[in-house]
């Protein structure tokens, strides 16, 4: 599993503190291209950091 971490989001002076900046970065990632390049297209693309088995239902 790959993910992007924004540890500076808690620093009010950081651009990552603005949720809109984090969302823009999230939307800019081409998940399908990453899947093709790194996993030959065999990985399941997810939109959440929480595994389906751990989510509350």
Foldseek 3Di string as FASTA:
>chain_A
DDDDDDPCLVPPVDPVVDVVVVVVVLVPDPQQVCCCVPVVNPDDDDDDPDDPVPDDD
